[in-house]
N, C-alpha and C. Protein backbone atom coordinates (compact mmCIF):
# COMPACT_ATOMS: atom_id res chain seq x y z
N MET A 1 59.12 154.45 -37.33
CA MET A 1 59.10 155.39 -38.38
C MET A 1 58.60 156.73 -37.96
N LEU A 2 57.51 156.70 -37.23
CA LEU A 2 56.94 157.94 -36.67
C LEU A 2 57.83 158.63 -35.66
N ALA A 3 58.47 157.80 -34.82
CA ALA A 3 59.37 158.33 -33.78
C ALA A 3 60.56 158.95 -34.45
N ALA A 4 61.13 158.34 -35.50
CA ALA A 4 62.28 158.93 -36.26
C ALA A 4 61.88 160.22 -36.85
N LYS A 5 60.69 160.31 -37.44
CA LYS A 5 60.27 161.53 -38.07
C LYS A 5 60.08 162.66 -37.05
N ALA A 6 59.65 162.29 -35.86
CA ALA A 6 59.44 163.38 -34.83
C ALA A 6 60.74 163.74 -34.23
N SER A 7 61.88 163.00 -34.36
CA SER A 7 63.11 163.37 -33.74
C SER A 7 64.18 163.71 -34.69
N HIS A 8 63.91 163.68 -36.05
CA HIS A 8 64.91 163.95 -37.01
C HIS A 8 64.49 165.03 -38.02
N ASP A 9 65.44 165.72 -38.54
CA ASP A 9 65.23 166.77 -39.55
C ASP A 9 64.94 166.05 -40.89
N ASP A 10 63.88 166.45 -41.54
CA ASP A 10 63.55 165.89 -42.83
C ASP A 10 64.63 166.12 -43.91
N LEU A 11 65.20 167.28 -43.98
CA LEU A 11 66.10 167.65 -45.08
C LEU A 11 67.49 166.94 -44.92
N THR A 12 67.99 166.88 -43.74
CA THR A 12 69.36 166.40 -43.52
C THR A 12 69.39 164.98 -42.99
N GLY A 13 68.37 164.52 -42.28
CA GLY A 13 68.42 163.27 -41.59
C GLY A 13 69.04 163.35 -40.24
N LEU A 14 69.56 164.49 -39.87
CA LEU A 14 70.17 164.62 -38.54
C LEU A 14 69.12 164.72 -37.50
N GLY A 15 69.51 164.47 -36.24
CA GLY A 15 68.64 164.61 -35.15
C GLY A 15 68.18 166.11 -35.06
N ASN A 16 66.94 166.27 -34.54
CA ASN A 16 66.49 167.71 -34.38
C ASN A 16 66.73 168.24 -32.99
N ARG A 17 66.24 169.50 -32.76
CA ARG A 17 66.52 170.16 -31.45
C ARG A 17 66.06 169.33 -30.23
N ALA A 18 64.87 168.79 -30.37
CA ALA A 18 64.33 167.99 -29.22
C ALA A 18 65.23 166.84 -28.86
N LEU A 19 65.72 166.08 -29.90
CA LEU A 19 66.56 164.97 -29.72
C LEU A 19 67.91 165.41 -29.18
N PHE A 20 68.41 166.57 -29.65
CA PHE A 20 69.69 167.13 -29.20
C PHE A 20 69.61 167.36 -27.71
N GLU A 21 68.53 167.99 -27.25
CA GLU A 21 68.41 168.31 -25.85
C GLU A 21 68.40 167.03 -24.95
N ARG A 22 67.66 166.02 -25.41
CA ARG A 22 67.61 164.70 -24.62
C ARG A 22 69.04 164.08 -24.66
N THR A 23 69.64 164.12 -25.83
CA THR A 23 70.98 163.45 -25.94
C THR A 23 72.04 164.13 -25.14
N LEU A 24 71.98 165.48 -25.07
CA LEU A 24 72.97 166.21 -24.31
C LEU A 24 72.83 165.87 -22.81
N GLU A 25 71.57 165.86 -22.31
CA GLU A 25 71.37 165.46 -20.94
C GLU A 25 71.96 164.06 -20.61
N ALA A 26 71.71 163.09 -21.53
CA ALA A 26 72.19 161.73 -21.42
C ALA A 26 73.71 161.72 -21.47
N ALA A 27 74.40 162.49 -22.28
CA ALA A 27 75.79 162.47 -22.38
C ALA A 27 76.42 163.05 -21.08
N ILE A 28 75.82 164.16 -20.56
CA ILE A 28 76.22 164.69 -19.27
C ILE A 28 76.10 163.54 -18.15
N GLY A 29 74.96 162.95 -18.13
CA GLY A 29 74.77 161.94 -17.10
C GLY A 29 75.82 160.79 -17.24
N GLU A 30 76.15 160.41 -18.42
CA GLU A 30 77.11 159.36 -18.67
C GLU A 30 78.52 159.90 -18.16
N ALA A 31 78.86 161.18 -18.54
CA ALA A 31 80.16 161.73 -18.10
C ALA A 31 80.21 161.74 -16.55
N VAL A 32 79.10 162.07 -15.90
CA VAL A 32 79.16 162.12 -14.45
C VAL A 32 79.33 160.74 -13.93
N ARG A 33 78.57 159.73 -14.45
CA ARG A 33 78.71 158.36 -13.93
C ARG A 33 80.08 157.73 -14.11
N THR A 34 80.77 158.18 -15.23
CA THR A 34 82.04 157.51 -15.55
C THR A 34 83.21 158.45 -15.25
N ASP A 35 82.89 159.64 -14.58
CA ASP A 35 83.93 160.62 -14.25
C ASP A 35 84.80 160.93 -15.45
N THR A 36 84.17 161.16 -16.61
CA THR A 36 84.90 161.59 -17.79
C THR A 36 84.35 162.89 -18.34
N ALA A 37 84.78 163.31 -19.47
CA ALA A 37 84.25 164.51 -20.11
C ALA A 37 83.49 164.28 -21.36
N CYS A 38 82.64 165.16 -21.67
CA CYS A 38 81.91 165.11 -22.96
C CYS A 38 81.94 166.55 -23.50
N ALA A 39 81.55 166.79 -24.74
CA ALA A 39 81.59 168.13 -25.29
C ALA A 39 80.42 168.34 -26.20
N VAL A 40 80.10 169.62 -26.36
CA VAL A 40 79.08 170.08 -27.31
C VAL A 40 79.73 171.08 -28.16
N LEU A 41 79.46 170.89 -29.50
CA LEU A 41 79.88 171.89 -30.53
C LEU A 41 78.66 172.58 -31.07
N TYR A 42 78.82 173.90 -31.32
CA TYR A 42 77.72 174.58 -31.86
C TYR A 42 78.24 175.25 -33.20
N LEU A 43 77.59 174.99 -34.28
CA LEU A 43 78.02 175.31 -35.57
C LEU A 43 77.00 176.12 -36.35
N ASP A 44 77.48 177.11 -37.15
CA ASP A 44 76.65 177.98 -37.87
C ASP A 44 77.20 178.16 -39.27
N ALA A 45 76.43 178.02 -40.36
CA ALA A 45 76.90 178.19 -41.69
C ALA A 45 77.25 179.73 -41.94
N ASP A 46 78.41 179.95 -42.46
CA ASP A 46 78.76 181.33 -42.77
C ASP A 46 78.10 181.84 -44.03
N ARG A 47 77.56 183.05 -44.03
CA ARG A 47 77.00 183.68 -45.17
C ARG A 47 75.88 182.80 -45.85
N PHE A 48 75.10 182.03 -45.08
CA PHE A 48 74.12 181.16 -45.61
C PHE A 48 72.98 181.98 -46.29
N LYS A 49 72.61 183.06 -45.69
CA LYS A 49 71.52 183.85 -46.29
C LYS A 49 71.98 184.36 -47.72
N ASP A 50 73.19 184.70 -47.91
CA ASP A 50 73.71 185.10 -49.18
C ASP A 50 73.53 184.01 -50.25
N VAL A 51 73.82 182.76 -49.84
CA VAL A 51 73.60 181.62 -50.77
C VAL A 51 72.13 181.52 -51.18
N ASN A 52 71.28 181.60 -50.21
CA ASN A 52 69.87 181.53 -50.55
C ASN A 52 69.42 182.62 -51.51
N ASP A 53 69.85 183.83 -51.13
CA ASP A 53 69.55 185.09 -51.91
C ASP A 53 70.09 184.98 -53.36
N ARG A 54 71.30 184.49 -53.52
CA ARG A 54 71.95 184.57 -54.81
C ARG A 54 71.64 183.33 -55.65
N HIS A 55 71.54 182.20 -55.06
CA HIS A 55 71.47 180.91 -55.77
C HIS A 55 70.10 180.21 -55.63
N GLY A 56 69.23 180.68 -54.66
CA GLY A 56 67.93 180.07 -54.42
C GLY A 56 67.93 179.04 -53.34
N HIS A 57 66.72 178.62 -52.94
CA HIS A 57 66.56 177.71 -51.77
C HIS A 57 67.06 176.33 -52.16
N ALA A 58 66.97 175.90 -53.33
CA ALA A 58 67.53 174.57 -53.70
C ALA A 58 69.02 174.53 -53.44
N ALA A 59 69.75 175.62 -53.72
CA ALA A 59 71.16 175.66 -53.41
C ALA A 59 71.41 175.65 -51.90
N GLY A 60 70.53 176.40 -51.19
CA GLY A 60 70.73 176.42 -49.68
C GLY A 60 70.53 175.07 -49.10
N ASP A 61 69.47 174.34 -49.73
CA ASP A 61 69.22 172.95 -49.23
C ASP A 61 70.40 172.05 -49.45
N ALA A 62 71.01 172.21 -50.70
CA ALA A 62 72.22 171.46 -51.01
C ALA A 62 73.38 171.69 -50.03
N ILE A 63 73.54 172.96 -49.63
CA ILE A 63 74.53 173.28 -48.68
C ILE A 63 74.19 172.60 -47.38
N LEU A 64 73.08 172.69 -46.89
CA LEU A 64 72.61 172.02 -45.57
C LEU A 64 72.83 170.56 -45.67
N ARG A 65 72.56 169.85 -46.71
CA ARG A 65 72.72 168.42 -46.83
C ARG A 65 74.22 168.12 -46.85
N ALA A 66 75.02 168.94 -47.57
CA ALA A 66 76.42 168.68 -47.58
C ALA A 66 77.07 168.90 -46.24
N ILE A 67 76.62 169.91 -45.49
CA ILE A 67 77.18 170.07 -44.14
C ILE A 67 76.89 168.86 -43.31
N ALA A 68 75.57 168.41 -43.35
CA ALA A 68 75.19 167.24 -42.54
C ALA A 68 76.04 166.03 -42.90
N ASP A 69 76.26 165.77 -44.14
CA ASP A 69 77.13 164.60 -44.59
C ASP A 69 78.55 164.76 -44.11
N ARG A 70 79.09 165.97 -44.17
CA ARG A 70 80.41 166.17 -43.75
C ARG A 70 80.56 166.02 -42.19
N LEU A 71 79.57 166.51 -41.51
CA LEU A 71 79.63 166.50 -40.04
C LEU A 71 79.65 164.98 -39.67
N ARG A 72 78.74 164.21 -40.23
CA ARG A 72 78.66 162.77 -39.88
C ARG A 72 80.00 162.08 -40.13
N ALA A 73 80.65 162.47 -41.26
CA ALA A 73 81.93 161.84 -41.63
C ALA A 73 83.11 162.23 -40.71
N CYS A 74 82.94 163.29 -39.98
CA CYS A 74 84.08 163.78 -39.07
C CYS A 74 83.94 163.34 -37.64
N ILE A 75 82.84 162.69 -37.30
CA ILE A 75 82.76 162.29 -35.90
C ILE A 75 82.73 160.75 -35.71
N ARG A 76 82.96 160.38 -34.46
CA ARG A 76 82.93 158.91 -34.21
C ARG A 76 81.48 158.40 -34.20
N GLN A 77 81.34 157.09 -34.33
CA GLN A 77 80.03 156.48 -34.38
C GLN A 77 79.25 156.75 -33.12
N ILE A 78 79.83 156.90 -31.98
CA ILE A 78 79.15 157.16 -30.76
C ILE A 78 78.75 158.57 -30.53
N ASP A 79 79.27 159.51 -31.42
CA ASP A 79 78.89 160.91 -31.36
C ASP A 79 77.68 161.16 -32.17
N ARG A 80 77.01 162.27 -31.96
CA ARG A 80 75.78 162.54 -32.70
C ARG A 80 75.81 164.01 -33.21
N ALA A 81 75.31 164.19 -34.42
CA ALA A 81 75.16 165.51 -35.10
C ALA A 81 73.63 165.83 -35.22
N PHE A 82 73.35 167.11 -35.12
CA PHE A 82 71.98 167.58 -35.11
C PHE A 82 71.82 168.85 -35.97
N ARG A 83 70.67 169.02 -36.59
CA ARG A 83 70.33 170.30 -37.14
C ARG A 83 69.36 170.94 -36.26
N LEU A 84 69.73 172.07 -35.68
CA LEU A 84 68.88 172.74 -34.64
C LEU A 84 67.80 173.54 -35.30
N GLY A 85 68.03 173.99 -36.58
CA GLY A 85 67.10 174.78 -37.25
C GLY A 85 67.88 175.68 -38.21
N GLY A 86 67.25 176.09 -39.32
CA GLY A 86 67.94 177.10 -40.24
C GLY A 86 69.28 176.55 -40.62
N ASP A 87 70.31 177.35 -40.33
CA ASP A 87 71.71 176.92 -40.70
C ASP A 87 72.52 176.66 -39.41
N GLU A 88 71.83 176.31 -38.32
CA GLU A 88 72.46 176.04 -37.07
C GLU A 88 72.55 174.48 -36.83
N PHE A 89 73.68 174.04 -36.47
CA PHE A 89 73.92 172.66 -36.16
C PHE A 89 74.63 172.46 -34.83
N ALA A 90 74.57 171.31 -34.27
CA ALA A 90 75.28 170.97 -33.03
C ALA A 90 75.78 169.58 -33.13
N ILE A 91 76.81 169.33 -32.40
CA ILE A 91 77.35 167.94 -32.29
C ILE A 91 77.58 167.67 -30.76
N ILE A 92 77.19 166.52 -30.31
CA ILE A 92 77.54 166.04 -28.98
C ILE A 92 78.59 165.01 -29.14
N LEU A 93 79.76 165.26 -28.51
CA LEU A 93 80.81 164.24 -28.52
C LEU A 93 80.77 163.48 -27.15
N ALA A 94 80.39 162.26 -27.26
CA ALA A 94 80.21 161.43 -26.15
C ALA A 94 81.49 161.24 -25.28
N PRO A 95 81.23 160.90 -24.01
CA PRO A 95 82.46 160.61 -23.19
C PRO A 95 83.12 159.30 -23.63
N PRO A 96 84.35 159.15 -23.51
CA PRO A 96 85.38 160.15 -23.01
C PRO A 96 85.80 161.10 -24.14
N MET A 97 85.97 162.34 -23.82
CA MET A 97 86.29 163.35 -24.81
C MET A 97 87.10 164.51 -24.08
N GLY A 98 88.28 164.65 -24.44
CA GLY A 98 89.10 165.74 -23.90
C GLY A 98 89.18 166.87 -24.82
N ARG A 99 89.65 168.07 -24.29
CA ARG A 99 89.69 169.30 -25.02
C ARG A 99 90.58 169.14 -26.31
N ASP A 100 91.67 168.41 -26.18
CA ASP A 100 92.52 168.18 -27.42
C ASP A 100 91.79 167.34 -28.50
N ASP A 101 91.00 166.37 -28.02
CA ASP A 101 90.22 165.57 -28.90
C ASP A 101 89.18 166.45 -29.66
N VAL A 102 88.54 167.38 -28.93
CA VAL A 102 87.61 168.31 -29.51
C VAL A 102 88.25 169.15 -30.54
N GLN A 103 89.42 169.72 -30.22
CA GLN A 103 90.10 170.63 -31.09
C GLN A 103 90.47 169.88 -32.45
N GLY A 104 90.82 168.56 -32.26
CA GLY A 104 91.07 167.74 -33.48
C GLY A 104 89.88 167.56 -34.38
N ILE A 105 88.73 167.35 -33.70
CA ILE A 105 87.48 167.20 -34.50
C ILE A 105 87.08 168.50 -35.18
N VAL A 106 87.26 169.62 -34.51
CA VAL A 106 86.93 170.96 -35.09
C VAL A 106 87.85 171.13 -36.27
N ALA A 107 89.16 170.78 -36.20
CA ALA A 107 90.06 170.94 -37.30
C ALA A 107 89.61 170.01 -38.44
N ARG A 108 89.15 168.92 -38.21
CA ARG A 108 88.77 167.86 -39.20
C ARG A 108 87.50 168.46 -39.91
N ILE A 109 86.54 169.05 -39.20
CA ILE A 109 85.35 169.58 -39.80
C ILE A 109 85.69 170.80 -40.72
N ALA A 110 86.62 171.65 -40.20
CA ALA A 110 87.03 172.84 -41.02
C ALA A 110 87.65 172.29 -42.28
N GLN A 111 88.52 171.27 -42.23
CA GLN A 111 89.13 170.72 -43.40
C GLN A 111 88.11 170.12 -44.34
N ALA A 112 87.18 169.42 -43.81
CA ALA A 112 86.09 168.85 -44.64
C ALA A 112 85.29 169.93 -45.35
N MET A 113 85.14 171.08 -44.80
CA MET A 113 84.37 172.13 -45.40
C MET A 113 85.15 172.87 -46.47
N GLU A 114 86.45 172.57 -46.61
CA GLU A 114 87.25 173.30 -47.64
C GLU A 114 86.83 172.87 -49.04
N GLU A 115 86.33 171.63 -49.17
CA GLU A 115 85.89 171.17 -50.52
C GLU A 115 84.57 171.90 -50.88
N PRO A 116 84.57 172.51 -52.12
CA PRO A 116 83.39 173.17 -52.53
C PRO A 116 82.12 172.24 -52.58
N VAL A 117 80.96 172.88 -52.39
CA VAL A 117 79.77 172.09 -52.47
C VAL A 117 79.15 172.20 -53.85
N VAL A 118 78.79 171.13 -54.46
CA VAL A 118 78.17 171.14 -55.86
C VAL A 118 76.69 171.45 -55.67
N LEU A 119 76.25 172.48 -56.35
CA LEU A 119 74.81 172.83 -56.30
C LEU A 119 73.97 172.08 -57.37
N PRO A 120 72.73 172.12 -57.22
CA PRO A 120 71.85 171.38 -58.19
C PRO A 120 72.09 171.78 -59.65
N ASP A 121 72.49 173.02 -59.89
CA ASP A 121 72.71 173.44 -61.26
C ASP A 121 74.09 173.10 -61.78
N GLY A 122 74.91 172.36 -60.99
CA GLY A 122 76.19 171.86 -61.40
C GLY A 122 77.34 172.82 -60.96
N SER A 123 77.06 173.99 -60.63
CA SER A 123 78.13 174.94 -60.14
C SER A 123 78.51 174.52 -58.76
N ALA A 124 79.67 175.00 -58.28
CA ALA A 124 80.13 174.70 -56.96
C ALA A 124 80.49 175.97 -56.22
N ILE A 125 80.22 176.07 -54.98
CA ILE A 125 80.54 177.17 -54.16
C ILE A 125 81.23 176.73 -52.83
N ALA A 126 81.94 177.60 -52.24
CA ALA A 126 82.59 177.31 -50.96
C ALA A 126 81.58 177.51 -49.86
N ALA A 127 81.71 176.71 -48.89
CA ALA A 127 80.78 176.78 -47.71
C ALA A 127 81.73 176.61 -46.49
N SER A 128 81.48 177.43 -45.46
CA SER A 128 82.28 177.32 -44.29
C SER A 128 81.40 177.42 -43.02
N LEU A 129 81.89 177.01 -41.92
CA LEU A 129 81.17 177.00 -40.62
C LEU A 129 81.94 177.77 -39.59
N SER A 130 81.23 178.51 -38.80
CA SER A 130 81.80 179.02 -37.53
C SER A 130 81.50 178.03 -36.46
N ILE A 131 82.49 177.70 -35.69
CA ILE A 131 82.33 176.58 -34.70
C ILE A 131 82.81 177.10 -33.32
N GLY A 132 81.98 176.77 -32.28
CA GLY A 132 82.37 176.94 -30.96
C GLY A 132 82.07 175.73 -30.20
N PHE A 133 82.74 175.52 -29.05
CA PHE A 133 82.57 174.31 -28.29
C PHE A 133 82.72 174.58 -26.80
N ALA A 134 82.17 173.73 -26.03
CA ALA A 134 82.28 173.68 -24.53
C ALA A 134 82.44 172.20 -24.16
N VAL A 135 83.27 172.10 -23.09
CA VAL A 135 83.60 170.73 -22.61
C VAL A 135 83.04 170.65 -21.17
N PHE A 136 82.29 169.53 -20.90
CA PHE A 136 81.79 169.16 -19.52
C PHE A 136 82.89 168.43 -18.89
N PRO A 137 83.29 168.68 -17.65
CA PRO A 137 82.71 169.68 -16.71
C PRO A 137 83.43 170.97 -16.63
N ASP A 138 84.50 171.12 -17.39
CA ASP A 138 85.38 172.29 -17.29
C ASP A 138 84.65 173.58 -17.65
N ASP A 139 83.76 173.58 -18.65
CA ASP A 139 83.13 174.79 -19.09
C ASP A 139 81.71 174.94 -18.53
N GLY A 140 81.22 174.03 -17.74
CA GLY A 140 79.91 174.13 -17.17
C GLY A 140 79.42 172.75 -16.73
N MET A 141 78.48 172.79 -15.76
CA MET A 141 78.03 171.49 -15.15
C MET A 141 76.61 171.14 -15.70
N ALA A 142 75.94 172.16 -16.30
CA ALA A 142 74.58 172.01 -16.75
C ALA A 142 74.55 172.15 -18.31
N ALA A 143 73.56 171.54 -18.92
CA ALA A 143 73.41 171.64 -20.35
C ALA A 143 73.27 173.10 -20.81
N GLY A 144 72.48 173.94 -20.09
CA GLY A 144 72.28 175.36 -20.47
C GLY A 144 73.66 176.10 -20.39
N ASP A 145 74.49 175.81 -19.44
CA ASP A 145 75.74 176.49 -19.28
C ASP A 145 76.60 176.05 -20.45
N LEU A 146 76.68 174.82 -20.86
CA LEU A 146 77.52 174.38 -21.89
C LEU A 146 77.04 175.01 -23.27
N LEU A 147 75.75 175.04 -23.39
CA LEU A 147 75.22 175.61 -24.64
C LEU A 147 75.64 177.14 -24.81
N ARG A 148 75.47 177.84 -23.69
CA ARG A 148 75.86 179.30 -23.63
C ARG A 148 77.33 179.48 -24.00
N ARG A 149 78.15 178.62 -23.38
CA ARG A 149 79.60 178.77 -23.67
C ARG A 149 79.92 178.40 -25.15
N ALA A 150 79.33 177.33 -25.67
CA ALA A 150 79.60 176.91 -26.96
C ALA A 150 79.06 177.97 -28.01
N ASP A 151 77.90 178.46 -27.69
CA ASP A 151 77.26 179.53 -28.56
C ASP A 151 78.13 180.76 -28.60
N ALA A 152 78.61 181.22 -27.43
CA ALA A 152 79.46 182.42 -27.32
C ALA A 152 80.77 182.17 -28.10
N ALA A 153 81.31 180.96 -27.99
CA ALA A 153 82.60 180.62 -28.70
C ALA A 153 82.36 180.64 -30.19
N MET A 154 81.17 180.21 -30.68
CA MET A 154 80.81 180.19 -32.08
C MET A 154 80.73 181.61 -32.59
N TYR A 155 80.13 182.49 -31.82
CA TYR A 155 79.96 183.88 -32.28
C TYR A 155 81.36 184.53 -32.32
N HIS A 156 82.20 184.18 -31.38
CA HIS A 156 83.57 184.75 -31.39
C HIS A 156 84.27 184.25 -32.60
N ASP A 157 84.15 182.98 -33.01
CA ASP A 157 84.72 182.45 -34.22
C ASP A 157 84.19 183.15 -35.47
N LYS A 158 82.88 183.45 -35.45
CA LYS A 158 82.19 184.08 -36.59
C LYS A 158 82.76 185.52 -36.72
N ARG A 159 82.95 186.23 -35.66
CA ARG A 159 83.48 187.60 -35.69
C ARG A 159 84.92 187.55 -36.22
N ARG A 160 85.65 186.54 -35.69
CA ARG A 160 87.06 186.45 -36.14
C ARG A 160 87.14 186.15 -37.63
N ARG A 161 86.27 185.27 -38.17
CA ARG A 161 86.26 185.02 -39.59
C ARG A 161 85.93 186.22 -40.35
N ARG A 162 84.93 186.94 -39.92
CA ARG A 162 84.55 188.23 -40.71
C ARG A 162 85.66 189.24 -40.76
N SER A 163 86.43 189.35 -39.65
CA SER A 163 87.52 190.33 -39.70
C SER A 163 88.65 189.85 -40.59
N ILE A 164 88.81 188.59 -40.75
CA ILE A 164 89.83 187.97 -41.70
C ILE A 164 89.44 188.20 -43.11
N ASP A 165 88.07 188.01 -43.36
CA ASP A 165 87.61 188.20 -44.75
C ASP A 165 87.52 189.63 -45.20
N ALA A 166 87.52 190.58 -44.22
CA ALA A 166 87.36 192.02 -44.54
C ALA A 166 88.59 192.63 -45.12
C-alpha cells in the first residue's frame, strides 16, 4: 500500500515520474536483451490552464482523470501510462513495438479523446492531447535521448495544432 502510494499519482492512479523513469530503463533493457524496439510517448493536455481558469480545479481534475482512463484503455496490458505532473503524461510501450504500432496507438488515443469529457457540474467539454513519441533504438539509445526526442515531437504537434485552430 505504501509502495503504491509512493509510486502512483493520487488523482489518476497512474504511475508517477519516479516509476516512469525506472520503467523506461527496464523497457530499454528488455529491448536490448531481446533485440527488439520499445517506445515512449510524451503527452500534454491542450489548453488545460484555460479549463482550470474557466471551469475551476474540479473540472481540471475531471479532465485529468478522463485522460488517464482513456490512456489506459488505448494501450496493451504490458504497456504503462504515467502522469508526470500537472497536465503532462507519458506512456511506455513495451517491446516488441514498431513505429507503425506506435502510430496506431497514437491514432487510437486521439480518437478516444474526441469524446467530450463530462464535468462535475454535468456540462461536457472537449479535451485533446498533443502527442510526441520516440522509438528505441532508432531515435536514441538512452532514456534521456528518447525523452528529448518525444518531448520535441510533442511540442511540434502542439504548435501544429495551434496553427490549425488559429
